Protein backbone atom coordinates (compact mmCIF):
# COMPACT_ATOMS: atom_id res chain seq x y z
CA UNK A 1 -75.69 -91.08 45.40
CA UNK A 2 -74.07 -91.40 41.31
CA UNK A 3 -77.46 -91.43 39.80
CA UNK A 4 -79.68 -88.81 42.50
CA UNK A 5 -77.01 -86.05 41.98
CA UNK A 6 -76.44 -86.69 38.71
CA UNK A 7 -80.58 -85.67 38.08
CA UNK A 8 -79.36 -82.61 40.25
CA UNK A 9 -77.06 -81.94 38.08
CA UNK A 10 -78.30 -82.45 35.14
CA UNK A 11 -82.32 -80.75 35.89
CA UNK A 12 -79.42 -77.63 37.06
CA UNK A 13 -78.06 -77.59 33.27
CA UNK A 14 -81.93 -78.00 31.86
CA UNK A 15 -82.69 -74.90 33.63
CA UNK A 16 -79.77 -72.31 32.88
CA UNK A 17 -80.71 -73.90 28.91
CA UNK A 18 -84.18 -71.76 29.29
CA UNK A 19 -81.59 -68.34 29.56
CA UNK A 20 -78.93 -69.77 28.06
CA UNK A 21 -80.21 -71.04 24.34
CA UNK A 22 -76.37 -72.12 23.15
CA UNK A 23 -77.39 -75.35 25.66
CA UNK A 24 -78.22 -77.58 22.84
CA UNK A 25 -78.60 -80.35 24.09
CA UNK A 26 -77.77 -81.70 28.06
CA UNK A 27 -77.76 -85.39 28.50
CA UNK A 28 -76.22 -88.93 30.70
CA UNK A 29 -76.28 -91.40 33.08
CA UNK A 30 -75.70 -90.95 36.89
CA UNK A 31 -72.62 -88.99 37.13
CA UNK A 32 -71.97 -88.67 33.76
CA UNK A 33 -72.73 -86.16 31.33
CA UNK A 34 -72.60 -84.37 28.29
CA UNK A 35 -73.40 -80.41 28.08
CA UNK A 36 -73.90 -80.35 23.57
CA UNK A 37 -73.15 -75.86 22.86
CA UNK A 38 -74.64 -74.82 19.62
CA UNK A 39 -73.90 -71.52 17.74
CA UNK A 40 -77.60 -71.60 16.86
CA UNK A 41 -80.27 -73.59 18.74
CA UNK A 42 -82.47 -73.99 15.68
CA UNK A 43 -80.19 -75.61 12.61
CA UNK A 44 -78.32 -76.77 16.19
CA UNK A 45 -74.99 -76.00 14.86
CA UNK A 46 -71.79 -77.12 16.94
CA UNK A 47 -70.11 -74.07 17.75
CA UNK A 48 -66.37 -75.55 19.70
CA UNK A 49 -64.76 -72.05 20.34
CA UNK A 50 -68.36 -71.85 22.75
CA UNK A 51 -67.63 -74.55 24.18
CA UNK A 52 -63.24 -74.48 24.34
CA UNK A 53 -64.57 -70.63 26.23
CA UNK A 54 -66.46 -72.21 28.95
CA UNK A 55 -64.25 -74.26 29.56
CA UNK A 56 -61.25 -71.99 30.67
CA UNK A 57 -64.46 -69.73 32.44
CA UNK A 58 -65.41 -73.11 34.79
CA UNK A 59 -60.89 -73.43 35.15
CA UNK A 60 -61.15 -70.06 36.51
CA UNK A 61 -63.32 -70.89 38.49
CA UNK A 62 -62.20 -74.07 39.99
CA UNK A 63 -64.27 -76.58 37.78
CA UNK A 64 -62.31 -78.58 35.72
CA UNK A 65 -64.38 -80.83 32.33
CA UNK A 66 -62.86 -81.81 29.65
CA UNK A 67 -64.59 -80.92 25.51
CA UNK A 68 -65.81 -84.39 23.64
CA UNK A 69 -67.95 -84.80 20.93
CA UNK A 70 -66.14 -84.98 16.50
CA UNK A 71 -67.28 -81.34 16.57
CA UNK A 72 -65.51 -80.79 20.55
CA UNK A 73 -68.78 -78.58 21.58
CA UNK A 74 -69.98 -80.99 24.41
CA UNK A 75 -68.48 -80.66 27.32
CA UNK A 76 -67.56 -83.57 29.26
CA UNK A 77 -68.98 -84.06 32.87
CA UNK A 78 -67.55 -86.49 35.62
CA UNK A 79 -67.26 -85.44 38.54
CA UNK A 80 -65.99 -88.00 42.09
CA UNK A 81 -68.27 -89.62 42.85
CA UNK A 82 -68.11 -88.21 46.26
CA UNK A 83 -69.54 -85.08 45.16
CA UNK A 84 -72.87 -83.87 46.36
CA UNK A 85 -75.81 -82.03 46.21
CA UNK A 86 -74.05 -78.79 47.31
CA UNK A 87 -71.27 -79.44 45.54
CA UNK A 88 -73.86 -79.70 42.00
CA UNK A 89 -75.35 -76.02 43.60
CA UNK A 90 -71.15 -74.64 43.14
CA UNK A 91 -70.85 -76.35 39.49
CA UNK A 92 -74.07 -75.28 38.41
CA UNK A 93 -73.61 -71.16 39.61
CA UNK A 94 -69.97 -72.22 37.87
CA UNK A 95 -71.72 -72.62 34.92
CA UNK A 96 -73.42 -70.35 34.30
CA UNK A 97 -71.02 -67.65 35.81
CA UNK A 98 -68.69 -68.42 32.96
CA UNK A 99 -71.42 -68.35 30.58
CA UNK A 100 -72.64 -65.40 30.47
CA UNK A 101 -69.01 -64.51 29.76
CA UNK A 102 -67.98 -65.99 27.68
CA UNK A 103 -71.51 -65.54 25.79
CA UNK A 104 -73.28 -67.67 25.83
């Protein structure tokens, strides 16, 4: 379940990256997922302020994520092991809403 649902989440976030250039990279294994946020997609300049805005936007939508990395620009997504594909869709929708609200 962790591998399958994790891949669904990563694929959904990669699809968001096509519409939101502030998503610099999506990486992870199983349900451990990192979403790098950047100010300049070409230079991959870390954007800690955007990460904080998106983290708060997700919290307002009922999704709790952390922030990690030296530059504090990577969303750390660690859903519980019982997460389902339906839950993954809710996460992706909330992330897109938070990205739009944050101006990303």
